[in-house]
Structures are given as structure tokens and as C-alpha cells.
Amino acid sequence: MTIGTLIREARKAAGWSQQELAKHAAISQQYLSNIENDHVDVSLRIVLRIAKELDLDLNQLKGD
């Protein structure tokens, strides 16, 4: 699984919309959509921010 897919699954499991997570992570909804669909190379800083908002350990977001 890619990091985008893992983020999407974690977001859905938390019951959050893209808009909610994007707001909490201080990124745009469009950027989050691009991350979840693997259309951008996301920085570690943004991954850490998203992981924090989803209450995830970084190891839970290890992709392929």
C-alpha cells in the first residue's frame, strides 16, 4: 500500500472528511486529495503533521 492509501484509510477510520483533516493539518483539501491519490511526493514534515492529527505513529504510515 502507498502512503496516500494508508492516509486515506486512517482518515476514513477516524471518521474524518478530507476537508476536516486538511483543516486540522493546515493544508488544503486539494493537496490532501493529491496526497491520498499519490499525485504528489509528500514531505516528511506534512506526513508527520497528518500522522499527529490522526493520532498515528509514523510506523503506521509505512508504504511500499
C-alpha atoms as a PDB file:
ATOM      1  CA  MET A   1       0.000   0.000   0.000  1.00  0.00           C
ATOM      2  CA  THR A   2       1.162   3.528  -0.696  1.00  0.00           C
ATOM      3  CA  ILE A   3       1.393   6.231   1.933  1.00  0.00           C
ATOM      4  CA  GLY A   4      -1.528   8.028   0.272  1.00  0.00           C
ATOM      5  CA  THR A   5      -3.722   4.951   0.580  1.00  0.00           C
ATOM      6  CA  LEU A   6      -2.678   4.468   4.194  1.00  0.00           C
ATOM      7  CA  ILE A   7      -3.528   8.087   4.994  1.00  0.00           C
ATOM      8  CA  ARG A   8      -6.920   7.788   3.284  1.00  0.00           C
ATOM      9  CA  GLU A   9      -7.749   4.595   5.183  1.00  0.00           C
ATOM     10  CA  ALA A  10      -6.660   6.107   8.507  1.00  0.00           C
ATOM     11  CA  ARG A  11      -8.681   9.251   7.816  1.00  0.00           C
ATOM     12  CA  LYS A  12     -11.801   7.252   6.985  1.00  0.00           C
ATOM     13  CA  ALA A  13     -11.314   5.007  10.038  1.00  0.00           C
ATOM     14  CA  ALA A  14     -11.195   8.168  12.158  1.00  0.00           C
ATOM     15  CA  GLY A  15     -14.467   9.292  10.584  1.00  0.00           C
ATOM     16  CA  TRP A  16     -12.989  12.482   9.124  1.00  0.00           C
ATOM     17  CA  SER A  17     -13.644  14.042   5.750  1.00  0.00           C
ATOM     18  CA  GLN A  18     -10.755  15.280   3.644  1.00  0.00           C
ATOM     19  CA  GLN A  19     -11.815  18.814   4.450  1.00  0.00           C
ATOM     20  CA  GLU A  20     -11.697  18.164   8.216  1.00  0.00           C
ATOM     21  CA  LEU A  21      -8.268  16.541   8.154  1.00  0.00           C
ATOM     22  CA  ALA A  22      -6.871  19.183   5.827  1.00  0.00           C
ATOM     23  CA  LYS A  23      -8.067  21.934   8.161  1.00  0.00           C
ATOM     24  CA  HIS A  24      -6.528  20.256  11.227  1.00  0.00           C
ATOM     25  CA  ALA A  25      -3.256  19.556   9.383  1.00  0.00           C
ATOM     26  CA  ALA A  26      -3.130  23.123   7.985  1.00  0.00           C
ATOM     27  CA  ILE A  27      -3.036  22.037   4.342  1.00  0.00           C
ATOM     28  CA  SER A  28      -5.543  22.484   1.539  1.00  0.00           C
ATOM     29  CA  GLN A  29      -8.164  19.853   0.825  1.00  0.00           C
ATOM     30  CA  GLN A  30      -6.875  19.663  -2.752  1.00  0.00           C
ATOM     31  CA  TYR A  31      -3.342  18.943  -1.538  1.00  0.00           C
ATOM     32  CA  LEU A  32      -4.649  16.218   0.783  1.00  0.00           C
ATOM     33  CA  SER A  33      -6.577  14.730  -2.128  1.00  0.00           C
ATOM     34  CA  ASN A  34      -3.388  14.742  -4.214  1.00  0.00           C
ATOM     35  CA  ILE A  35      -1.525  13.024  -1.368  1.00  0.00           C
ATOM     36  CA  GLU A  36      -4.206  10.355  -0.971  1.00  0.00           C
ATOM     37  CA  ASN A  37      -4.241   9.723  -4.722  1.00  0.00           C
ATOM     38  CA  ASP A  38      -0.429   9.612  -4.960  1.00  0.00           C
ATOM     39  CA  HIS A  39      -0.258  12.589  -7.309  1.00  0.00           C
ATOM     40  CA  VAL A  40       2.434  14.378  -5.268  1.00  0.00           C
ATOM     41  CA  ASP A  41       5.564  13.462  -3.370  1.00  0.00           C
ATOM     42  CA  VAL A  42       4.663  14.481   0.155  1.00  0.00           C
ATOM     43  CA  SER A  43       7.309  15.792   2.528  1.00  0.00           C
ATOM     44  CA  LEU A  44       8.081  14.123   5.834  1.00  0.00           C
ATOM     45  CA  ARG A  45       7.017  17.323   7.607  1.00  0.00           C
ATOM     46  CA  ILE A  46       3.499  17.061   6.146  1.00  0.00           C
ATOM     47  CA  VAL A  47       3.296  13.312   6.823  1.00  0.00           C
ATOM     48  CA  LEU A  48       4.233  13.952  10.443  1.00  0.00           C
ATOM     49  CA  ARG A  49       1.586  16.653  10.709  1.00  0.00           C
ATOM     50  CA  ILE A  50      -1.093  14.358   9.250  1.00  0.00           C
ATOM     51  CA  ALA A  51       0.004  11.455  11.463  1.00  0.00           C
ATOM     52  CA  LYS A  52      -0.230  13.676  14.537  1.00  0.00           C
ATOM     53  CA  GLU A  53      -3.768  14.755  13.660  1.00  0.00           C
ATOM     54  CA  LEU A  54      -4.826  11.140  13.087  1.00  0.00           C
ATOM     55  CA  ASP A  55      -3.081  10.080  16.323  1.00  0.00           C
ATOM     56  CA  LEU A  56      -0.875   7.653  14.409  1.00  0.00           C
ATOM     57  CA  ASP A  57       2.687   6.547  14.920  1.00  0.00           C
ATOM     58  CA  LEU A  58       4.799   7.230  11.844  1.00  0.00           C
ATOM     59  CA  ASN A  59       5.434   3.491  11.544  1.00  0.00           C
ATOM     60  CA  GLN A  60       1.732   3.008  10.855  1.00  0.00           C
ATOM     61  CA  LEU A  61       2.153   5.038   7.672  1.00  0.00           C
ATOM     62  CA  LYS A  62       4.954   2.998   6.144  1.00  0.00           C
ATOM     63  CA  GLY A  63       4.163   2.469   2.479  1.00  0.00           C
ATOM     64  CA  ASP A  64       5.534   0.165  -0.159  1.00  0.00           C
END
